[in-house]
């Protein structure tokens, strides 16, 4: 089932792009690990090059995994997510913002269903990015 189909069936999928338009796609591979030792909730240890481990509780669905994946990815990006760029100090600047969504998660060569119980092991995913740049022009003093 696609993310857009899941939405029609009531599966919470705010993490999925649902076939919407994105600025670009970033491939990532992660090992999904189940553990009950999550005092701060699900988390990931992801690198900026798109690999790592994701820790979730047993019984998680792929929608839960998508949420944890996005949270870990966004955390790894840090302040790159939103910045103000001054091109001409005091005169011209722009605001930059990123919005990430999961386009797909694959396991053993096939796309997963967002509402399906997740399986431990190596997964491939595509993260979609929606970038917004808002120029702020011409403050004259």
C-alpha atoms as a PDB file:
ATOM      1  CA  UNK A   1       0.000   0.000   0.000  1.00  0.00           C
ATOM      2  CA  UNK A   2       1.305   3.440  -0.844  1.00  0.00           C
ATOM      3  CA  UNK A   3       1.390   6.290   1.645  1.00  0.00           C
ATOM      4  CA  UNK A   4      -1.500   7.996  -0.161  1.00  0.00           C
ATOM      5  CA  UNK A   5      -3.564   4.803   0.081  1.00  0.00           C
ATOM      6  CA  UNK A   6      -2.736   4.595   3.769  1.00  0.00           C
ATOM      7  CA  UNK A   7      -4.063   8.107   4.288  1.00  0.00           C
ATOM      8  CA  UNK A   8      -7.400   7.071   2.806  1.00  0.00           C
ATOM      9  CA  UNK A   9      -7.529   4.142   5.232  1.00  0.00           C
ATOM     10  CA  UNK A  10      -6.950   6.274   8.327  1.00  0.00           C
ATOM     11  CA  UNK A  11      -3.289   5.408   8.927  1.00  0.00           C
ATOM     12  CA  UNK A  12      -1.561   8.490  10.344  1.00  0.00           C
ATOM     13  CA  UNK A  13       1.030   9.290   7.702  1.00  0.00           C
ATOM     14  CA  UNK A  14       2.146  12.855   8.236  1.00  0.00           C
ATOM     15  CA  UNK A  15       5.689  11.542   7.783  1.00  0.00           C
ATOM     16  CA  UNK A  16       5.112  10.305   4.224  1.00  0.00           C
ATOM     17  CA  UNK A  17       5.202  12.400   1.059  1.00  0.00           C
ATOM     18  CA  UNK A  18       2.170  10.581  -0.361  1.00  0.00           C
ATOM     19  CA  UNK A  19       3.372  11.193  -3.901  1.00  0.00           C
ATOM     20  CA  UNK A  20       3.584  14.961  -3.333  1.00  0.00           C
ATOM     21  CA  UNK A  21       6.143  17.199  -4.957  1.00  0.00           C
ATOM     22  CA  UNK A  22       9.584  17.349  -3.399  1.00  0.00           C
ATOM     23  CA  UNK A  23      12.667  19.378  -4.379  1.00  0.00           C
ATOM     24  CA  UNK A  24      14.983  16.387  -4.256  1.00  0.00           C
ATOM     25  CA  UNK A  25      15.378  12.833  -3.013  1.00  0.00           C
ATOM     26  CA  UNK A  26      18.097  11.521  -0.699  1.00  0.00           C
ATOM     27  CA  UNK A  27      18.711   7.753  -0.421  1.00  0.00           C
ATOM     28  CA  UNK A  28      19.476   6.352   3.019  1.00  0.00           C
ATOM     29  CA  UNK A  29      20.178   2.883   4.398  1.00  0.00           C
ATOM     30  CA  UNK A  30      19.575   1.988   8.023  1.00  0.00           C
ATOM     31  CA  UNK A  31      19.487  -1.040  10.260  1.00  0.00           C
ATOM     32  CA  UNK A  32      16.229  -1.259  12.194  1.00  0.00           C
ATOM     33  CA  UNK A  33      16.746  -2.564  15.735  1.00  0.00           C
ATOM     34  CA  UNK A  34      13.994  -3.436  18.212  1.00  0.00           C
ATOM     35  CA  UNK A  35      14.651  -2.736  21.881  1.00  0.00           C
ATOM     36  CA  UNK A  36      12.691  -2.020  25.057  1.00  0.00           C
ATOM     37  CA  UNK A  37      15.585   0.087  26.372  1.00  0.00           C
ATOM     38  CA  UNK A  38      14.286   3.458  25.129  1.00  0.00           C
ATOM     39  CA  UNK A  39      14.131   5.810  28.152  1.00  0.00           C
ATOM     40  CA  UNK A  40      13.890   8.808  25.789  1.00  0.00           C
ATOM     41  CA  UNK A  41      11.789   7.154  23.101  1.00  0.00           C
ATOM     42  CA  UNK A  42      12.788   5.896  19.644  1.00  0.00           C
ATOM     43  CA  UNK A  43      16.030   7.317  18.281  1.00  0.00           C
ATOM     44  CA  UNK A  44      18.572   6.948  15.539  1.00  0.00           C
ATOM     45  CA  UNK A  45      22.309   7.112  15.091  1.00  0.00           C
ATOM     46  CA  UNK A  46      22.533   8.374  11.521  1.00  0.00           C
ATOM     47  CA  UNK A  47      25.461   9.837   9.624  1.00  0.00           C
ATOM     48  CA  UNK A  48      25.285  12.719   7.196  1.00  0.00           C
ATOM     49  CA  UNK A  49      26.111  10.286   4.403  1.00  0.00           C
ATOM     50  CA  UNK A  50      22.890   8.360   4.877  1.00  0.00           C
ATOM     51  CA  UNK A  51      23.625   5.309   6.994  1.00  0.00           C
ATOM     52  CA  UNK A  52      23.196   4.139  10.556  1.00  0.00           C
ATOM     53  CA  UNK A  53      20.914   2.445  13.042  1.00  0.00           C
ATOM     54  CA  UNK A  54      17.381   3.224  14.137  1.00  0.00           C
ATOM     55  CA  UNK A  55      16.067   1.982  17.507  1.00  0.00           C
ATOM     56  CA  UNK A  56      12.320   1.512  18.030  1.00  0.00           C
ATOM     57  CA  UNK A  57      10.172  -0.533  20.438  1.00  0.00           C
ATOM     58  CA  UNK A  58       8.912  -3.987  19.435  1.00  0.00           C
ATOM     59  CA  UNK A  59       5.483  -3.813  17.780  1.00  0.00           C
ATOM     60  CA  UNK A  60       6.258  -0.590  15.881  1.00  0.00           C
ATOM     61  CA  UNK A  61       4.631  -0.063  12.498  1.00  0.00           C
ATOM     62  CA  UNK A  62       6.466   1.345   9.507  1.00  0.00           C
ATOM     63  CA  UNK A  63       4.659   4.638  10.119  1.00  0.00           C
ATOM     64  CA  UNK A  64       6.291   4.691  13.580  1.00  0.00           C
ATOM     65  CA  UNK A  65       9.620   3.891  11.920  1.00  0.00           C
ATOM     66  CA  UNK A  66       9.104   6.737   9.425  1.00  0.00           C
ATOM     67  CA  UNK A  67       8.561   9.188  12.303  1.00  0.00           C
ATOM     68  CA  UNK A  68      11.675   7.997  14.132  1.00  0.00           C
ATOM     69  CA  UNK A  69      13.687   8.073  10.897  1.00  0.00           C
ATOM     70  CA  UNK A  70      12.698  11.659  10.142  1.00  0.00           C
ATOM     71  CA  UNK A  71      13.368  12.778  13.724  1.00  0.00           C
ATOM     72  CA  UNK A  72      16.843  11.218  13.666  1.00  0.00           C
ATOM     73  CA  UNK A  73      17.613  12.616  10.200  1.00  0.00           C
ATOM     74  CA  UNK A  74      16.485  16.133  11.120  1.00  0.00           C
ATOM     75  CA  UNK A  75      18.478  15.987  14.371  1.00  0.00           C
ATOM     76  CA  UNK A  76      21.591  14.938  12.422  1.00  0.00           C
ATOM     77  CA  UNK A  77      21.127  17.939  10.114  1.00  0.00           C
ATOM     78  CA  UNK A  78      21.190  20.367  13.054  1.00  0.00           C
ATOM     79  CA  UNK A  79      21.053  24.060  12.253  1.00  0.00           C
ATOM     80  CA  UNK A  80      21.320  23.398   8.515  1.00  0.00           C
ATOM     81  CA  UNK A  81      17.538  22.946   8.600  1.00  0.00           C
ATOM     82  CA  UNK A  82      16.749  26.629   9.041  1.00  0.00           C
ATOM     83  CA  UNK A  83      19.132  29.499   8.527  1.00  0.00           C
ATOM     84  CA  UNK A  84      19.295  33.135   7.662  1.00  0.00           C
ATOM     85  CA  UNK A  85      21.845  34.003   5.005  1.00  0.00           C
ATOM     86  CA  UNK A  86      23.087  37.587   4.784  1.00  0.00           C
ATOM     87  CA  UNK A  87      24.229  38.205   1.226  1.00  0.00           C
ATOM     88  CA  UNK A  88      24.807  41.916   1.738  1.00  0.00           C
ATOM     89  CA  UNK A  89      24.918  42.645   5.474  1.00  0.00           C
ATOM     90  CA  UNK A  90      22.154  45.006   6.545  1.00  0.00           C
ATOM     91  CA  UNK A  91      20.741  45.164   3.013  1.00  0.00           C
ATOM     92  CA  UNK A  92      19.742  41.760   1.687  1.00  0.00           C
ATOM     93  CA  UNK A  93      19.202  38.394   3.347  1.00  0.00           C
ATOM     94  CA  UNK A  94      17.171  35.245   2.858  1.00  0.00           C
ATOM     95  CA  UNK A  95      15.531  32.633   5.072  1.00  0.00           C
ATOM     96  CA  UNK A  96      16.127  28.960   4.249  1.00  0.00           C
ATOM     97  CA  UNK A  97      13.928  26.126   5.510  1.00  0.00           C
ATOM     98  CA  UNK A  98      13.826  22.368   4.896  1.00  0.00           C
ATOM     99  CA  UNK A  99      10.805  20.086   5.211  1.00  0.00           C
ATOM    100  CA  UNK A 100      11.639  16.350   5.016  1.00  0.00           C
ATOM    101  CA  UNK A 101       9.246  13.508   4.183  1.00  0.00           C
ATOM    102  CA  UNK A 102       9.664   9.778   3.683  1.00  0.00           C
ATOM    103  CA  UNK A 103       9.010   8.865   0.060  1.00  0.00           C
ATOM    104  CA  UNK A 104       9.586   5.119   0.440  1.00  0.00           C
ATOM    105  CA  UNK A 105      10.952   2.519   2.804  1.00  0.00           C
ATOM    106  CA  UNK A 106      11.999  -0.808   1.315  1.00  0.00           C
ATOM    107  CA  UNK A 107      12.770  -4.094   3.037  1.00  0.00           C
ATOM    108  CA  UNK A 108      14.151  -7.129   1.224  1.00  0.00           C
ATOM    109  CA  UNK A 109      13.678  -5.413  -2.132  1.00  0.00           C
ATOM    110  CA  UNK A 110      10.056  -4.328  -1.807  1.00  0.00           C
ATOM    111  CA  UNK A 111       8.168  -1.273  -0.585  1.00  0.00           C
ATOM    112  CA  UNK A 112       6.635  -1.568   2.879  1.00  0.00           C
ATOM    113  CA  UNK A 113       3.098  -0.735   3.932  1.00  0.00           C
ATOM    114  CA  UNK A 114       3.030   2.189   6.432  1.00  0.00           C
ATOM    115  CA  UNK A 115       0.504   0.392   8.668  1.00  0.00           C
ATOM    116  CA  UNK A 116       2.363  -2.921   8.627  1.00  0.00           C
ATOM    117  CA  UNK A 117       4.353  -4.168  11.619  1.00  0.00           C
ATOM    118  CA  UNK A 118       7.999  -3.325  11.014  1.00  0.00           C
ATOM    119  CA  UNK A 119      10.667  -6.019  10.702  1.00  0.00           C
ATOM    120  CA  UNK A 120      14.191  -5.821  12.111  1.00  0.00           C
ATOM    121  CA  UNK A 121      17.042  -5.686   9.616  1.00  0.00           C
ATOM    122  CA  UNK A 122      18.569  -3.543   6.908  1.00  0.00           C
ATOM    123  CA  UNK A 123      16.203  -1.146   5.140  1.00  0.00           C
ATOM    124  CA  UNK A 124      16.589   1.278   2.258  1.00  0.00           C
ATOM    125  CA  UNK A 125      14.621   4.513   2.229  1.00  0.00           C
ATOM    126  CA  UNK A 126      14.228   7.601   0.111  1.00  0.00           C
ATOM    127  CA  UNK A 127      13.769  10.878   1.942  1.00  0.00           C
ATOM    128  CA  UNK A 128      12.185  13.728   0.034  1.00  0.00           C
ATOM    129  CA  UNK A 129      13.115  17.315   0.768  1.00  0.00           C
ATOM    130  CA  UNK A 130      11.004  20.395   0.206  1.00  0.00           C
ATOM    131  CA  UNK A 131      13.233  23.474   0.323  1.00  0.00           C
ATOM    132  CA  UNK A 132      11.963  26.992   0.802  1.00  0.00           C
ATOM    133  CA  UNK A 133      14.031  30.134   0.342  1.00  0.00           C
ATOM    134  CA  UNK A 134      12.377  33.399   1.249  1.00  0.00           C
ATOM    135  CA  UNK A 135      14.373  36.440   0.118  1.00  0.00           C
ATOM    136  CA  UNK A 136      14.183  39.504   2.287  1.00  0.00           C
ATOM    137  CA  UNK A 137      15.244  42.352   0.107  1.00  0.00           C
ATOM    138  CA  UNK A 138      16.474  45.794   0.295  1.00  0.00           C
ATOM    139  CA  UNK A 139      16.509  47.279   3.746  1.00  0.00           C
ATOM    140  CA  UNK A 140      18.015  50.700   3.188  1.00  0.00           C
ATOM    141  CA  UNK A 141      19.336  52.629   6.140  1.00  0.00           C
END
